[in-house]
Amino acid sequence: MTSVTSKKSTILGSDEIDLGRVIGELIDHRKLIISITSVFTLFAILYALLATPIYETDALIQIEQKQGNAILSSLSQVLPDGQPQS
């Protein structure tokens, strides 16, 4: 009997994880996991509903000096300054 146990421990090295044991632990403690998750979800929902929303923004407007455009200046000389007649 000890030879079977020693073979199993030899096969599973110290850096290996027994996946069946991990899943078993999660199943054994499922009530604790579900309750903790539920409590934090409830706190998150309450915070989202009761917290005052704060909307904040920053903007930077940079105004550059107007530079003459040769095409636009010649076009503005050709076009009349008056209002269109209807």
Protein backbone atom coordinates (compact mmCIF):
# COMPACT_ATOMS: atom_id res chain seq x y z
CA MET A 1 0.00 0.00 0.00
CA THR A 2 2.82 2.38 0.76
CA SER A 3 4.44 1.63 -2.60
CA VAL A 4 1.31 2.86 -4.41
CA THR A 5 1.29 6.05 -2.34
CA SER A 6 4.99 6.64 -2.85
CA LYS A 7 4.65 6.09 -6.61
CA LYS A 8 1.82 8.61 -6.71
CA SER A 9 3.81 11.19 -4.79
CA THR A 10 6.81 10.53 -7.03
CA ILE A 11 4.71 11.07 -10.15
CA LEU A 12 3.23 14.28 -8.77
CA GLY A 13 6.26 16.46 -8.19
CA SER A 14 6.34 19.38 -5.79
CA ASP A 15 5.72 21.87 -8.62
CA GLU A 16 2.70 20.07 -10.08
CA ILE A 17 -0.91 20.79 -9.18
CA ASP A 18 -3.56 18.12 -8.72
CA LEU A 19 -6.44 19.57 -10.74
CA GLY A 20 -8.99 17.18 -9.24
CA ARG A 21 -8.08 18.33 -5.74
CA VAL A 22 -8.39 22.01 -6.70
CA ILE A 23 -11.81 21.44 -8.26
CA GLY A 24 -12.85 19.45 -5.19
CA GLU A 25 -11.82 22.33 -2.89
CA LEU A 26 -13.80 24.79 -5.01
CA ILE A 27 -16.86 22.55 -4.87
CA ASP A 28 -16.46 22.07 -1.10
CA HIS A 29 -16.32 25.84 -0.53
CA ARG A 30 -18.88 26.87 -3.15
CA LYS A 31 -21.23 28.39 -0.55
CA LEU A 32 -18.46 30.66 0.74
CA ILE A 33 -17.43 31.66 -2.78
CA ILE A 34 -21.02 32.40 -3.81
CA SER A 35 -21.76 34.39 -0.65
CA ILE A 36 -18.63 36.56 -0.94
CA THR A 37 -19.32 37.21 -4.62
CA SER A 38 -22.94 38.09 -3.84
CA VAL A 39 -22.00 40.52 -1.06
CA PHE A 40 -19.53 42.42 -3.25
CA THR A 41 -21.99 42.46 -6.16
CA LEU A 42 -24.66 43.89 -3.85
CA PHE A 43 -22.24 46.59 -2.62
CA ALA A 44 -21.34 47.47 -6.22
CA ILE A 45 -25.00 47.78 -7.23
CA LEU A 46 -25.82 49.92 -4.19
CA TYR A 47 -22.85 52.18 -4.86
CA ALA A 48 -23.79 52.57 -8.52
CA LEU A 49 -27.36 53.50 -7.61
CA LEU A 50 -26.67 55.78 -4.65
CA ALA A 51 -23.42 57.56 -5.55
CA THR A 52 -23.68 61.07 -6.92
CA PRO A 53 -22.26 61.09 -10.44
CA ILE A 54 -19.41 63.54 -10.98
CA TYR A 55 -18.94 64.67 -14.55
CA GLU A 56 -15.70 66.50 -15.18
CA THR A 57 -13.81 67.47 -18.28
CA ASP A 58 -10.83 69.55 -19.32
CA ALA A 59 -10.43 71.37 -22.61
CA LEU A 60 -7.68 73.43 -24.19
CA ILE A 61 -8.43 75.79 -27.05
CA GLN A 62 -5.52 77.18 -28.99
CA ILE A 63 -6.21 80.09 -31.32
CA GLU A 64 -3.64 80.60 -34.02
CA GLN A 65 -2.96 83.78 -35.93
CA LYS A 66 -4.81 83.97 -39.22
CA GLN A 67 -2.45 83.57 -42.11
CA GLY A 68 -3.40 84.77 -45.56
CA ASN A 69 -4.13 82.16 -48.16
CA ALA A 70 -3.40 83.29 -51.71
CA ILE A 71 -6.23 81.31 -53.28
CA LEU A 72 -8.84 82.41 -50.74
CA SER A 73 -7.83 86.05 -50.89
CA SER A 74 -8.07 86.13 -54.69
CA LEU A 75 -11.41 84.32 -54.52
CA SER A 76 -12.78 86.81 -52.00
CA GLN A 77 -11.81 89.66 -54.33
CA VAL A 78 -13.78 88.10 -57.19
CA LEU A 79 -16.95 87.36 -55.17
CA PRO A 80 -19.34 90.22 -54.40
CA ASP A 81 -19.77 91.35 -50.79
CA GLY A 82 -23.53 91.86 -51.01
CA GLN A 83 -26.34 89.59 -49.88
CA PRO A 84 -27.94 87.33 -52.47
CA GLN A 85 -31.20 88.69 -53.87
CA SER A 86 -34.23 86.50 -53.74
